[in-house]
Amino acid sequence: MKNIWLLGLIFLGISCSSVKNSHNYTYLVNSYTVNCTGVGPMDCMLIKKGDKAVEGEWENFYSKIEGFEYEPGYIYKLQVREEKLENVPADASSIKYTLVKVLEKKVDTKLLLNGTWDIAKINGSAIEAGTGGIPQLQIDTKEMSVSGSDGCNRLKGSIKKIENDAIEFTPMAGTQMMCPNMTNADKFNKTFAGVKKFEVENNTLTFFNEAGNAVLEFFKGSEPKQLINDIWVAEFIRGESLPGDLPRIEIHSADMRILGTDGCNNFKGQLTKLTNTELEVGLLAGTRMMCPDMTNADKFNSAINNVKTYKIANLRLSLFDSEGRQLMLLKKID
């Protein structure tokens, strides 16, 4: 009987010690992971203790939560038990994390913003392409960045904050070109500066102003790196229309090849860089004919070597130099 009593005291002591060394906390878990380095390279969840997620306050979580199955694309609210462990190896966590309950799991609406967006309407009016194309945005909520074009100048900025359907952008930096028609660019820049809320539905992105009015409407664009695989014929070089035999390029992103004609000679070569916004062309090898009129060929060869970025909109490919100046506007033909 005495032994049973002593055994009960031992179990009670162990139980009390376990309770004393553990506490329950509310965790928020973000919708995506990040690359991090713990014992070695790994993917870390982003967590925050508390009920309200604020950008900039997420912390890398280097351990795991027992019983929790993480699925990207959702923001979780969890009840987690933290238990302090004793005599753990130097490279192991001194705290054991165990899921008590999933309090909330909801789709992270800001992830719907990611991707390329082509303008459809400004203040309810449909937009037609100008010489430089239509306004276009590339949004990355993981990097909190935004870039694109107002239809004339290249733009780049940051997302200041996103919370539920509220969004704020920093002022956009951009090139300072004066295009023949600045109507789209002026309307877009003035309207974009007043954006306060967003909604994404059926691949349509709508921005609203402070009064709740829909001011900008975009449709989801395809990834430029996929769209550039095509045959393109030059319409303008450095803002001037081209007569006669037109330069033509054909791009193959899979093996980073470019080929075509400058309006006189055929050429082929390699692309040295191709992303969803950047394009650089290596040395081109070609025939060496002297045509009666070399104007188009000379203009093309002078421009193609300076290409650094590009944009695709309305079946047109715009090529820009390092300063964001439009070098060439080409039209899809096949």
C-alpha atoms as a PDB file:
ATOM      1  CA  MET A   1       0.000   0.000   0.000  1.00  0.00           C
ATOM      2  CA  LYS A   2       2.860   2.320   0.886  1.00  0.00           C
ATOM      3  CA  ASN A   3       4.542   1.577  -2.451  1.00  0.00           C
ATOM      4  CA  ILE A   4       1.358   2.419  -4.357  1.00  0.00           C
ATOM      5  CA  TRP A   5       1.114   5.722  -2.478  1.00  0.00           C
ATOM      6  CA  LEU A   6       4.738   6.594  -3.321  1.00  0.00           C
ATOM      7  CA  LEU A   7       4.203   5.659  -6.965  1.00  0.00           C
ATOM      8  CA  GLY A   8       1.186   7.968  -7.102  1.00  0.00           C
ATOM      9  CA  LEU A   9       3.238  10.844  -5.716  1.00  0.00           C
ATOM     10  CA  ILE A  10       5.914  10.249  -8.362  1.00  0.00           C
ATOM     11  CA  PHE A  11       3.381  10.336 -11.210  1.00  0.00           C
ATOM     12  CA  LEU A  12       1.764  13.428  -9.729  1.00  0.00           C
ATOM     13  CA  GLY A  13       5.149  15.133  -9.519  1.00  0.00           C
ATOM     14  CA  ILE A  14       5.965  14.290 -13.127  1.00  0.00           C
ATOM     15  CA  SER A  15       2.563  15.546 -14.251  1.00  0.00           C
ATOM     16  CA  CYS A  16       2.900  18.812 -12.316  1.00  0.00           C
ATOM     17  CA  SER A  17       6.423  19.311 -13.670  1.00  0.00           C
ATOM     18  CA  SER A  18       5.163  18.792 -17.245  1.00  0.00           C
ATOM     19  CA  VAL A  19       2.318  21.275 -16.761  1.00  0.00           C
ATOM     20  CA  LYS A  20       4.676  23.778 -15.175  1.00  0.00           C
ATOM     21  CA  ASN A  21       7.066  23.545 -18.162  1.00  0.00           C
ATOM     22  CA  SER A  22       4.378  23.962 -20.851  1.00  0.00           C
ATOM     23  CA  HIS A  23       2.142  26.837 -21.938  1.00  0.00           C
ATOM     24  CA  ASN A  24      -0.397  27.347 -24.715  1.00  0.00           C
ATOM     25  CA  TYR A  25      -0.003  30.239 -27.165  1.00  0.00           C
ATOM     26  CA  THR A  26      -1.898  31.600 -30.168  1.00  0.00           C
ATOM     27  CA  TYR A  27       0.175  31.383 -33.352  1.00  0.00           C
ATOM     28  CA  LEU A  28      -0.403  32.975 -36.736  1.00  0.00           C
ATOM     29  CA  VAL A  29       1.225  31.089 -39.632  1.00  0.00           C
ATOM     30  CA  ASN A  30       1.746  32.886 -42.945  1.00  0.00           C
ATOM     31  CA  SER A  31       0.641  31.566 -46.329  1.00  0.00           C
ATOM     32  CA  TYR A  32       4.127  30.940 -47.732  1.00  0.00           C
ATOM     33  CA  THR A  33       7.539  29.725 -46.582  1.00  0.00           C
ATOM     34  CA  VAL A  34      10.954  31.339 -47.039  1.00  0.00           C
ATOM     35  CA  ASN A  35      14.467  30.026 -47.548  1.00  0.00           C
ATOM     36  CA  CYS A  36      16.411  30.127 -44.292  1.00  0.00           C
ATOM     37  CA  THR A  37      19.456  28.607 -42.629  1.00  0.00           C
ATOM     38  CA  GLY A  38      19.204  26.676 -39.361  1.00  0.00           C
ATOM     39  CA  VAL A  39      21.456  23.673 -38.922  1.00  0.00           C
ATOM     40  CA  GLY A  40      21.582  23.813 -42.724  1.00  0.00           C
ATOM     41  CA  PRO A  41      19.592  25.315 -45.619  1.00  0.00           C
ATOM     42  CA  MET A  42      15.862  24.773 -45.131  1.00  0.00           C
ATOM     43  CA  ASP A  43      12.378  26.208 -45.686  1.00  0.00           C
ATOM     44  CA  CYS A  44      10.952  28.131 -42.747  1.00  0.00           C
ATOM     45  CA  MET A  45       7.337  28.878 -41.973  1.00  0.00           C
ATOM     46  CA  LEU A  46       6.666  32.477 -40.994  1.00  0.00           C
ATOM     47  CA  ILE A  47       4.936  32.826 -37.631  1.00  0.00           C
ATOM     48  CA  LYS A  48       3.753  35.498 -35.268  1.00  0.00           C
ATOM     49  CA  LYS A  49       2.465  35.150 -31.727  1.00  0.00           C
ATOM     50  CA  GLY A  50      -0.737  37.114 -31.380  1.00  0.00           C
ATOM     51  CA  ASP A  51      -4.024  37.610 -33.190  1.00  0.00           C
ATOM     52  CA  LYS A  52      -3.215  40.288 -35.781  1.00  0.00           C
ATOM     53  CA  ALA A  53      -0.780  39.759 -38.647  1.00  0.00           C
ATOM     54  CA  VAL A  54       1.179  42.885 -39.572  1.00  0.00           C
ATOM     55  CA  GLU A  55       3.626  42.871 -42.484  1.00  0.00           C
ATOM     56  CA  GLY A  56       7.196  43.178 -41.298  1.00  0.00           C
ATOM     57  CA  GLU A  57       6.596  41.405 -37.996  1.00  0.00           C
ATOM     58  CA  TRP A  58       6.707  37.804 -39.190  1.00  0.00           C
ATOM     59  CA  GLU A  59       9.489  35.645 -37.731  1.00  0.00           C
ATOM     60  CA  ASN A  60      11.226  32.613 -39.244  1.00  0.00           C
ATOM     61  CA  PHE A  61      10.154  29.388 -37.510  1.00  0.00           C
ATOM     62  CA  TYR A  62      13.046  26.905 -37.538  1.00  0.00           C
ATOM     63  CA  SER A  63      11.320  23.998 -35.812  1.00  0.00           C
ATOM     64  CA  LYS A  64       8.131  22.020 -36.511  1.00  0.00           C
ATOM     65  CA  ILE A  65       4.736  21.876 -34.856  1.00  0.00           C
ATOM     66  CA  GLU A  66       3.798  18.294 -34.026  1.00  0.00           C
ATOM     67  CA  GLY A  67       0.423  17.355 -35.498  1.00  0.00           C
ATOM     68  CA  PHE A  68       0.215  20.377 -37.833  1.00  0.00           C
ATOM     69  CA  GLU A  69      -0.067  19.767 -41.591  1.00  0.00           C
ATOM     70  CA  TYR A  70       0.921  22.973 -43.361  1.00  0.00           C
ATOM     71  CA  GLU A  71      -0.632  23.859 -46.734  1.00  0.00           C
ATOM     72  CA  PRO A  72       0.708  26.923 -48.609  1.00  0.00           C
ATOM     73  CA  GLY A  73      -1.788  29.580 -49.647  1.00  0.00           C
ATOM     74  CA  TYR A  74      -3.599  29.758 -46.312  1.00  0.00           C
ATOM     75  CA  ILE A  75      -3.148  31.887 -43.210  1.00  0.00           C
ATOM     76  CA  TYR A  76      -3.579  29.806 -40.066  1.00  0.00           C
ATOM     77  CA  LYS A  77      -4.519  30.729 -36.539  1.00  0.00           C
ATOM     78  CA  LEU A  78      -3.386  27.960 -34.197  1.00  0.00           C
ATOM     79  CA  GLN A  79      -3.343  27.114 -30.532  1.00  0.00           C
ATOM     80  CA  VAL A  80       0.106  25.666 -29.871  1.00  0.00           C
ATOM     81  CA  ARG A  81       1.543  24.132 -26.722  1.00  0.00           C
ATOM     82  CA  GLU A  82       5.178  25.010 -25.998  1.00  0.00           C
ATOM     83  CA  GLU A  83       6.968  22.576 -23.736  1.00  0.00           C
ATOM     84  CA  LYS A  84      10.472  23.218 -22.421  1.00  0.00           C
ATOM     85  CA  LEU A  85      12.778  20.228 -22.801  1.00  0.00           C
ATOM     86  CA  GLU A  86      15.829  19.348 -20.757  1.00  0.00           C
ATOM     87  CA  ASN A  87      19.133  17.784 -21.766  1.00  0.00           C
ATOM     88  CA  VAL A  88      18.669  18.342 -25.512  1.00  0.00           C
ATOM     89  CA  PRO A  89      21.513  18.150 -28.081  1.00  0.00           C
ATOM     90  CA  ALA A  90      23.200  21.434 -28.982  1.00  0.00           C
ATOM     91  CA  ASP A  91      21.745  21.427 -32.507  1.00  0.00           C
ATOM     92  CA  ALA A  92      18.169  20.658 -31.382  1.00  0.00           C
ATOM     93  CA  SER A  93      15.378  22.925 -30.160  1.00  0.00           C
ATOM     94  CA  SER A  94      14.928  23.213 -26.401  1.00  0.00           C
ATOM     95  CA  ILE A  95      11.184  23.659 -26.945  1.00  0.00           C
ATOM     96  CA  LYS A  96       8.714  21.092 -28.243  1.00  0.00           C
ATOM     97  CA  TYR A  97       5.811  22.571 -30.211  1.00  0.00           C
ATOM     98  CA  THR A  98       2.536  20.639 -30.367  1.00  0.00           C
ATOM     99  CA  LEU A  99      -0.688  21.583 -32.123  1.00  0.00           C
ATOM    100  CA  VAL A 100      -3.598  21.866 -29.713  1.00  0.00           C
ATOM    101  CA  LYS A 101      -6.210  23.155 -32.167  1.00  0.00           C
ATOM    102  CA  VAL A 102      -6.587  24.825 -35.568  1.00  0.00           C
ATOM    103  CA  LEU A 103      -8.584  27.934 -34.668  1.00  0.00           C
ATOM    104  CA  GLU A 104      -8.823  29.338 -38.196  1.00  0.00           C
ATOM    105  CA  LYS A 105      -7.726  28.521 -41.746  1.00  0.00           C
ATOM    106  CA  LYS A 106      -8.469  30.990 -44.527  1.00  0.00           C
ATOM    107  CA  VAL A 107      -7.282  31.657 -48.060  1.00  0.00           C
ATOM    108  CA  ASP A 108      -4.671  34.419 -48.242  1.00  0.00           C
ATOM    109  CA  THR A 109      -6.339  36.798 -50.686  1.00  0.00           C
ATOM    110  CA  LYS A 110      -3.158  38.782 -51.284  1.00  0.00           C
ATOM    111  CA  LEU A 111      -1.616  35.810 -53.120  1.00  0.00           C
ATOM    112  CA  LEU A 112      -4.298  36.265 -55.773  1.00  0.00           C
ATOM    113  CA  LEU A 113      -2.565  39.556 -56.664  1.00  0.00           C
ATOM    114  CA  ASN A 114       0.592  37.804 -57.862  1.00  0.00           C
ATOM    115  CA  GLY A 115       1.353  37.761 -61.571  1.00  0.00           C
ATOM    116  CA  THR A 116       1.059  39.918 -64.656  1.00  0.00           C
ATOM    117  CA  TRP A 117      -1.983  42.161 -65.115  1.00  0.00           C
ATOM    118  CA  ASP A 118      -3.025  44.017 -68.284  1.00  0.00           C
ATOM    119  CA  ILE A 119      -5.256  47.083 -67.988  1.00  0.00           C
ATOM    120  CA  ALA A 120      -8.845  46.774 -69.204  1.00  0.00           C
ATOM    121  CA  LYS A 121     -10.519  49.927 -67.895  1.00  0.00           C
ATOM    122  CA  ILE A 122      -9.642  53.222 -66.208  1.00  0.00           C
ATOM    123  CA  ASN A 123     -12.551  54.840 -64.371  1.00  0.00           C
ATOM    124  CA  GLY A 124     -14.948  52.571 -66.236  1.00  0.00           C
ATOM    125  CA  SER A 125     -13.669  53.393 -69.742  1.00  0.00           C
ATOM    126  CA  ALA A 126     -12.027  50.744 -71.939  1.00  0.00           C
ATOM    127  CA  ILE A 127      -8.383  51.413 -72.834  1.00  0.00           C
ATOM    128  CA  GLU A 128      -6.879  51.214 -76.324  1.00  0.00           C
ATOM    129  CA  ALA A 129      -3.185  50.588 -76.853  1.00  0.00           C
ATOM    130  CA  GLY A 130      -0.914  53.522 -77.601  1.00  0.00           C
ATOM    131  CA  THR A 131       2.477  53.368 -79.311  1.00  0.00           C
ATOM    132  CA  GLY A 132       4.104  51.939 -76.188  1.00  0.00           C
ATOM    133  CA  GLY A 133       1.270  49.513 -75.430  1.00  0.00           C
ATOM    134  CA  ILE A 134      -1.210  49.517 -72.569  1.00  0.00           C
ATOM    135  CA  PRO A 135      -0.505  49.946 -68.845  1.00  0.00           C
ATOM    136  CA  GLN A 136       0.611  46.690 -67.272  1.00  0.00           C
ATOM    137  CA  LEU A 137       1.608  45.591 -63.761  1.00  0.00           C
ATOM    138  CA  GLN A 138       3.696  42.739 -62.379  1.00  0.00           C
ATOM    139  CA  ILE A 139       2.908  42.145 -58.704  1.00  0.00           C
ATOM    140  CA  ASP A 140       4.889  39.998 -56.241  1.00  0.00           C
ATOM    141  CA  THR A 141       3.404  39.996 -52.733  1.00  0.00           C
ATOM    142  CA  LYS A 142       6.184  37.793 -51.354  1.00  0.00           C
ATOM    143  CA  GLU A 143       8.748  40.463 -52.244  1.00  0.00           C
ATOM    144  CA  MET A 144       6.160  43.246 -51.678  1.00  0.00           C
ATOM    145  CA  SER A 145       7.128  44.677 -55.077  1.00  0.00           C
ATOM    146  CA  VAL A 146       5.282  46.080 -58.088  1.00  0.00           C
ATOM    147  CA  SER A 147       6.638  46.966 -61.523  1.00  0.00           C
ATOM    148  CA  GLY A 148       5.360  47.455 -65.040  1.00  0.00           C
ATOM    149  CA  SER A 149       4.498  50.228 -67.462  1.00  0.00           C
ATOM    150  CA  ASP A 150       2.019  53.096 -67.656  1.00  0.00           C
ATOM    151  CA  GLY A 151       1.802  52.625 -71.431  1.00  0.00           C
ATOM    152  CA  CYS A 152       4.837  54.827 -72.044  1.00  0.00           C
ATOM    153  CA  ASN A 153       7.331  54.682 -69.166  1.00  0.00           C
ATOM    154  CA  ARG A 154       8.638  51.747 -67.151  1.00  0.00           C
ATOM    155  CA  LEU A 155       7.560  51.807 -63.486  1.00  0.00           C
ATOM    156  CA  LYS A 156       8.883  50.293 -60.273  1.00  0.00           C
ATOM    157  CA  GLY A 157       7.726  50.540 -56.670  1.00  0.00           C
ATOM    158  CA  SER A 158       6.792  48.693 -53.492  1.00  0.00           C
ATOM    159  CA  ILE A 159       3.682  47.537 -51.717  1.00  0.00           C
ATOM    160  CA  LYS A 160       3.587  49.503 -48.484  1.00  0.00           C
ATOM    161  CA  LYS A 161       1.022  47.258 -46.792  1.00  0.00           C
ATOM    162  CA  ILE A 162      -1.693  44.688 -47.466  1.00  0.00           C
ATOM    163  CA  GLU A 163      -4.343  43.832 -44.904  1.00  0.00           C
ATOM    164  CA  ASN A 164      -7.537  42.013 -45.880  1.00  0.00           C
ATOM    165  CA  ASP A 165      -8.776  43.988 -48.934  1.00  0.00           C
ATOM    166  CA  ALA A 166      -6.809  47.151 -48.092  1.00  0.00           C
ATOM    167  CA  ILE A 167      -3.641  47.924 -50.043  1.00  0.00           C
ATOM    168  CA  GLU A 168      -1.196  50.833 -50.222  1.00  0.00           C
ATOM    169  CA  PHE A 169       1.657  51.397 -52.665  1.00  0.00           C
ATOM    170  CA  THR A 170       4.719  53.590 -52.301  1.00  0.00           C
ATOM    171  CA  PRO A 171       5.164  56.307 -54.965  1.00  0.00           C
ATOM    172  CA  MET A 172       6.307  54.697 -58.215  1.00  0.00           C
ATOM    173  CA  ALA A 173       9.691  55.514 -59.736  1.00  0.00           C
ATOM    174  CA  GLY A 174       9.887  55.470 -63.508  1.00  0.00           C
ATOM    175  CA  THR A 175      11.596  56.536 -66.689  1.00  0.00           C
ATOM    176  CA  GLN A 176      10.876  60.034 -68.007  1.00  0.00           C
ATOM    177  CA  MET A 177      10.097  59.562 -71.698  1.00  0.00           C
ATOM    178  CA  MET A 178       7.588  61.715 -73.560  1.00  0.00           C
ATOM    179  CA  CYS A 179       5.605  59.460 -75.897  1.00  0.00           C
ATOM    180  CA  PRO A 180       3.547  60.798 -78.841  1.00  0.00           C
ATOM    181  CA  ASN A 181       0.348  60.043 -76.922  1.00  0.00           C
ATOM    182  CA  MET A 182       0.494  60.357 -73.121  1.00  0.00           C
ATOM    183  CA  THR A 183      -3.259  60.004 -72.512  1.00  0.00           C
ATOM    184  CA  ASN A 184      -3.175  56.453 -71.122  1.00  0.00           C
ATOM    185  CA  ALA A 185      -0.045  57.100 -69.072  1.00  0.00           C
ATOM    186  CA  ASP A 186      -1.378  60.288 -67.474  1.00  0.00           C
ATOM    187  CA  LYS A 187      -4.746  58.714 -66.636  1.00  0.00           C
ATOM    188  CA  PHE A 188      -3.129  55.606 -65.199  1.00  0.00           C
ATOM    189  CA  ASN A 189      -0.575  57.384 -62.996  1.00  0.00           C
ATOM    190  CA  LYS A 190      -3.115  59.813 -61.570  1.00  0.00           C
ATOM    191  CA  THR A 191      -5.600  57.040 -60.809  1.00  0.00           C
ATOM    192  CA  PHE A 192      -3.086  54.502 -59.472  1.00  0.00           C
ATOM    193  CA  ALA A 193      -1.845  57.001 -56.883  1.00  0.00           C
ATOM    194  CA  GLY A 194      -5.294  56.952 -55.247  1.00  0.00           C
ATOM    195  CA  VAL A 195      -5.702  53.165 -54.923  1.00  0.00           C
ATOM    196  CA  LYS A 196      -6.780  52.016 -51.441  1.00  0.00           C
ATOM    197  CA  LYS A 197      -8.515  48.640 -51.854  1.00  0.00           C
ATOM    198  CA  PHE A 198      -8.492  45.639 -54.185  1.00  0.00           C
ATOM    199  CA  GLU A 199     -10.597  42.694 -55.263  1.00  0.00           C
ATOM    200  CA  VAL A 200      -9.629  39.665 -57.347  1.00  0.00           C
ATOM    201  CA  GLU A 201     -12.397  37.599 -58.899  1.00  0.00           C
ATOM    202  CA  ASN A 202     -12.468  35.383 -62.007  1.00  0.00           C
ATOM    203  CA  ASN A 203      -8.955  36.490 -63.059  1.00  0.00           C
ATOM    204  CA  THR A 204     -10.002  40.136 -62.901  1.00  0.00           C
ATOM    205  CA  LEU A 205      -8.217  42.566 -60.567  1.00  0.00           C
ATOM    206  CA  THR A 206     -10.120  45.679 -59.545  1.00  0.00           C
ATOM    207  CA  PHE A 207      -8.620  48.565 -57.583  1.00  0.00           C
ATOM    208  CA  PHE A 208     -10.834  50.972 -55.638  1.00  0.00           C
ATOM    209  CA  ASN A 209     -10.227  54.509 -54.390  1.00  0.00           C
ATOM    210  CA  GLU A 210     -10.882  55.772 -50.864  1.00  0.00           C
ATOM    211  CA  ALA A 211     -14.546  56.441 -51.687  1.00  0.00           C
ATOM    212  CA  GLY A 212     -14.990  52.793 -52.699  1.00  0.00           C
ATOM    213  CA  ASN A 213     -15.313  53.498 -56.424  1.00  0.00           C
ATOM    214  CA  ALA A 214     -13.811  51.028 -58.926  1.00  0.00           C
ATOM    215  CA  VAL A 215     -11.080  53.025 -60.687  1.00  0.00           C
ATOM    216  CA  LEU A 216      -8.779  50.466 -62.356  1.00  0.00           C
ATOM    217  CA  GLU A 217      -9.665  47.090 -63.822  1.00  0.00           C
ATOM    218  CA  PHE A 218      -7.127  44.538 -65.071  1.00  0.00           C
ATOM    219  CA  PHE A 219      -7.320  41.087 -66.606  1.00  0.00           C
ATOM    220  CA  LYS A 220      -4.770  38.378 -65.859  1.00  0.00           C
ATOM    221  CA  GLY A 221      -2.004  38.330 -68.439  1.00  0.00           C
ATOM    222  CA  SER A 222       0.037  35.303 -69.467  1.00  0.00           C
ATOM    223  CA  GLU A 223       3.639  35.078 -68.308  1.00  0.00           C
ATOM    224  CA  PRO A 224       5.723  37.173 -70.759  1.00  0.00           C
ATOM    225  CA  LYS A 225       8.453  34.515 -70.981  1.00  0.00           C
ATOM    226  CA  GLN A 226       5.905  32.150 -72.524  1.00  0.00           C
ATOM    227  CA  LEU A 227       4.330  34.741 -74.819  1.00  0.00           C
ATOM    228  CA  ILE A 228       7.632  35.886 -76.305  1.00  0.00           C
ATOM    229  CA  ASN A 229       8.056  32.529 -78.096  1.00  0.00           C
ATOM    230  CA  ASP A 230       6.797  33.743 -81.448  1.00  0.00           C
ATOM    231  CA  ILE A 231       7.543  35.578 -84.688  1.00  0.00           C
ATOM    232  CA  TRP A 232       7.589  39.375 -84.457  1.00  0.00           C
ATOM    233  CA  VAL A 233       7.820  42.002 -87.212  1.00  0.00           C
ATOM    234  CA  ALA A 234       9.141  45.500 -86.465  1.00  0.00           C
ATOM    235  CA  GLU A 235       6.693  48.410 -86.829  1.00  0.00           C
ATOM    236  CA  PHE A 236       8.683  51.199 -85.165  1.00  0.00           C
ATOM    237  CA  ILE A 237      12.352  51.667 -84.283  1.00  0.00           C
ATOM    238  CA  ARG A 238      13.104  54.500 -81.865  1.00  0.00           C
ATOM    239  CA  GLY A 239       9.643  55.914 -82.521  1.00  0.00           C
ATOM    240  CA  GLU A 240       9.937  56.021 -86.323  1.00  0.00           C
ATOM    241  CA  SER A 241       7.768  53.876 -88.621  1.00  0.00           C
ATOM    242  CA  LEU A 242       9.564  51.630 -91.100  1.00  0.00           C
ATOM    243  CA  PRO A 243       9.032  51.496 -94.893  1.00  0.00           C
ATOM    244  CA  GLY A 244      10.022  48.688 -97.239  1.00  0.00           C
ATOM    245  CA  ASP A 245      11.388  45.327 -96.071  1.00  0.00           C
ATOM    246  CA  LEU A 246      10.734  45.007 -92.339  1.00  0.00           C
ATOM    247  CA  PRO A 247      13.052  43.413 -89.765  1.00  0.00           C
ATOM    248  CA  ARG A 248      11.670  40.214 -88.238  1.00  0.00           C
ATOM    249  CA  ILE A 249      12.715  38.178 -85.199  1.00  0.00           C
ATOM    250  CA  GLU A 250      11.803  34.706 -83.983  1.00  0.00           C
ATOM    251  CA  ILE A 251      12.470  33.789 -80.348  1.00  0.00           C
ATOM    252  CA  HIS A 252      12.837  30.292 -78.825  1.00  0.00           C
ATOM    253  CA  SER A 253      13.104  30.578 -75.040  1.00  0.00           C
ATOM    254  CA  ALA A 254      13.566  26.821 -74.441  1.00  0.00           C
ATOM    255  CA  ASP A 255      17.068  26.842 -75.934  1.00  0.00           C
ATOM    256  CA  MET A 256      17.631  30.626 -75.686  1.00  0.00           C
ATOM    257  CA  ARG A 257      17.834  31.184 -79.462  1.00  0.00           C
ATOM    258  CA  ILE A 258      16.957  34.182 -81.628  1.00  0.00           C
ATOM    259  CA  LEU A 259      16.891  34.291 -85.422  1.00  0.00           C
ATOM    260  CA  GLY A 260      15.384  36.412 -88.163  1.00  0.00           C
ATOM    261  CA  THR A 261      16.208  39.149 -90.646  1.00  0.00           C
ATOM    262  CA  ASP A 262      17.236  42.782 -90.211  1.00  0.00           C
ATOM    263  CA  GLY A 263      15.394  43.699 -93.419  1.00  0.00           C
ATOM    264  CA  CYS A 264      18.335  42.731 -95.597  1.00  0.00           C
ATOM    265  CA  ASN A 265      20.431  39.970 -94.014  1.00  0.00           C
ATOM    266  CA  ASN A 266      19.393  36.836 -92.145  1.00  0.00           C
ATOM    267  CA  PHE A 267      20.871  36.324 -88.679  1.00  0.00           C
ATOM    268  CA  LYS A 268      20.885  33.921 -85.747  1.00  0.00           C
ATOM    269  CA  GLY A 269      22.330  33.964 -82.251  1.00  0.00           C
ATOM    270  CA  GLN A 270      21.825  33.299 -78.553  1.00  0.00           C
ATOM    271  CA  LEU A 271      19.909  35.124 -75.854  1.00  0.00           C
ATOM    272  CA  THR A 272      22.188  35.838 -72.898  1.00  0.00           C
ATOM    273  CA  LYS A 273      19.319  36.687 -70.529  1.00  0.00           C
ATOM    274  CA  LEU A 274      15.568  36.059 -70.549  1.00  0.00           C
ATOM    275  CA  THR A 275      13.206  36.549 -67.608  1.00  0.00           C
ATOM    276  CA  ASN A 276       9.628  37.804 -67.448  1.00  0.00           C
ATOM    277  CA  THR A 277      10.923  41.375 -67.841  1.00  0.00           C
ATOM    278  CA  GLU A 278      14.570  41.189 -68.995  1.00  0.00           C
ATOM    279  CA  LEU A 279      15.925  40.331 -72.437  1.00  0.00           C
ATOM    280  CA  GLU A 280      19.509  40.549 -73.647  1.00  0.00           C
ATOM    281  CA  VAL A 281      20.850  39.415 -77.017  1.00  0.00           C
ATOM    282  CA  GLY A 282      24.356  38.046 -77.580  1.00  0.00           C
ATOM    283  CA  LEU A 283      26.480  38.386 -80.714  1.00  0.00           C
ATOM    284  CA  LEU A 284      24.522  37.710 -83.890  1.00  0.00           C
ATOM    285  CA  ALA A 285      25.971  35.847 -86.882  1.00  0.00           C
ATOM    286  CA  GLY A 286      24.475  36.556 -90.296  1.00  0.00           C
ATOM    287  CA  THR A 287      24.808  36.951 -94.026  1.00  0.00           C
ATOM    288  CA  ARG A 288      26.647  39.985 -95.390  1.00  0.00           C
ATOM    289  CA  MET A 289      24.656  41.232 -98.366  1.00  0.00           C
ATOM    290  CA  MET A 290      24.571  44.907 -99.323  1.00  0.00           C
ATOM    291  CA  CYS A 291      20.982  45.758-100.176  1.00  0.00           C
ATOM    292  CA  PRO A 292      19.988  48.884-102.178  1.00  0.00           C
ATOM    293  CA  ASP A 293      18.531  50.421 -99.016  1.00  0.00           C
ATOM    294  CA  MET A 294      20.217  49.528 -95.703  1.00  0.00           C
ATOM    295  CA  THR A 295      18.272  52.051 -93.599  1.00  0.00           C
ATOM    296  CA  ASN A 296      16.038  49.550 -91.804  1.00  0.00           C
ATOM    297  CA  ALA A 297      18.883  47.079 -91.317  1.00  0.00           C
ATOM    298  CA  ASP A 298      21.195  49.691 -89.812  1.00  0.00           C
ATOM    299  CA  LYS A 299      18.480  50.964 -87.462  1.00  0.00           C
ATOM    300  CA  PHE A 300      17.617  47.425 -86.363  1.00  0.00           C
ATOM    301  CA  ASN A 301      21.204  46.335 -85.694  1.00  0.00           C
ATOM    302  CA  SER A 302      21.899  49.508 -83.734  1.00  0.00           C
ATOM    303  CA  ALA A 303      18.834  48.929 -81.554  1.00  0.00           C
ATOM    304  CA  ILE A 304      18.922  45.164 -80.955  1.00  0.00           C
ATOM    305  CA  ASN A 305      22.346  45.299 -79.286  1.00  0.00           C
ATOM    306  CA  ASN A 306      21.057  47.715 -76.632  1.00  0.00           C
ATOM    307  CA  VAL A 307      17.937  45.801 -75.564  1.00  0.00           C
ATOM    308  CA  LYS A 308      17.699  45.197 -71.795  1.00  0.00           C
ATOM    309  CA  THR A 309      13.995  44.779 -70.997  1.00  0.00           C
ATOM    310  CA  TYR A 310      10.743  44.037 -72.770  1.00  0.00           C
ATOM    311  CA  LYS A 311       6.977  44.117 -72.417  1.00  0.00           C
ATOM    312  CA  ILE A 312       4.183  42.307 -74.261  1.00  0.00           C
ATOM    313  CA  ALA A 313       0.668  43.718 -74.620  1.00  0.00           C
ATOM    314  CA  ASN A 314      -2.046  43.556 -77.288  1.00  0.00           C
ATOM    315  CA  LEU A 315       0.005  41.206 -79.519  1.00  0.00           C
ATOM    316  CA  ARG A 316       2.896  43.685 -79.562  1.00  0.00           C
ATOM    317  CA  LEU A 317       6.414  43.331 -78.218  1.00  0.00           C
ATOM    318  CA  SER A 318       8.157  46.460 -76.906  1.00  0.00           C
ATOM    319  CA  LEU A 319      11.929  46.392 -76.450  1.00  0.00           C
ATOM    320  CA  PHE A 320      13.616  48.900 -74.122  1.00  0.00           C
ATOM    321  CA  ASP A 321      17.165  50.004 -73.339  1.00  0.00           C
ATOM    322  CA  SER A 322      18.731  50.242 -69.858  1.00  0.00           C
ATOM    323  CA  GLU A 323      17.138  53.671 -69.322  1.00  0.00           C
ATOM    324  CA  GLY A 324      13.662  52.382 -70.155  1.00  0.00           C
ATOM    325  CA  ARG A 325      13.519  54.085 -73.556  1.00  0.00           C
ATOM    326  CA  GLN A 326      11.569  52.185 -76.186  1.00  0.00           C
ATOM    327  CA  LEU A 327      13.945  50.969 -78.891  1.00  0.00           C
ATOM    328  CA  MET A 328      11.573  48.896 -80.949  1.00  0.00           C
ATOM    329  CA  LEU A 329       7.889  48.003 -81.250  1.00  0.00           C
ATOM    330  CA  LEU A 330       7.141  44.711 -83.002  1.00  0.00           C
ATOM    331  CA  LYS A 331       3.883  43.027 -83.998  1.00  0.00           C
ATOM    332  CA  LYS A 332       3.037  39.323 -83.634  1.00  0.00           C
ATOM    333  CA  ILE A 333       2.382  37.846 -87.088  1.00  0.00           C
ATOM    334  CA  ASP A 334       1.782  34.066 -86.897  1.00  0.00           C
END
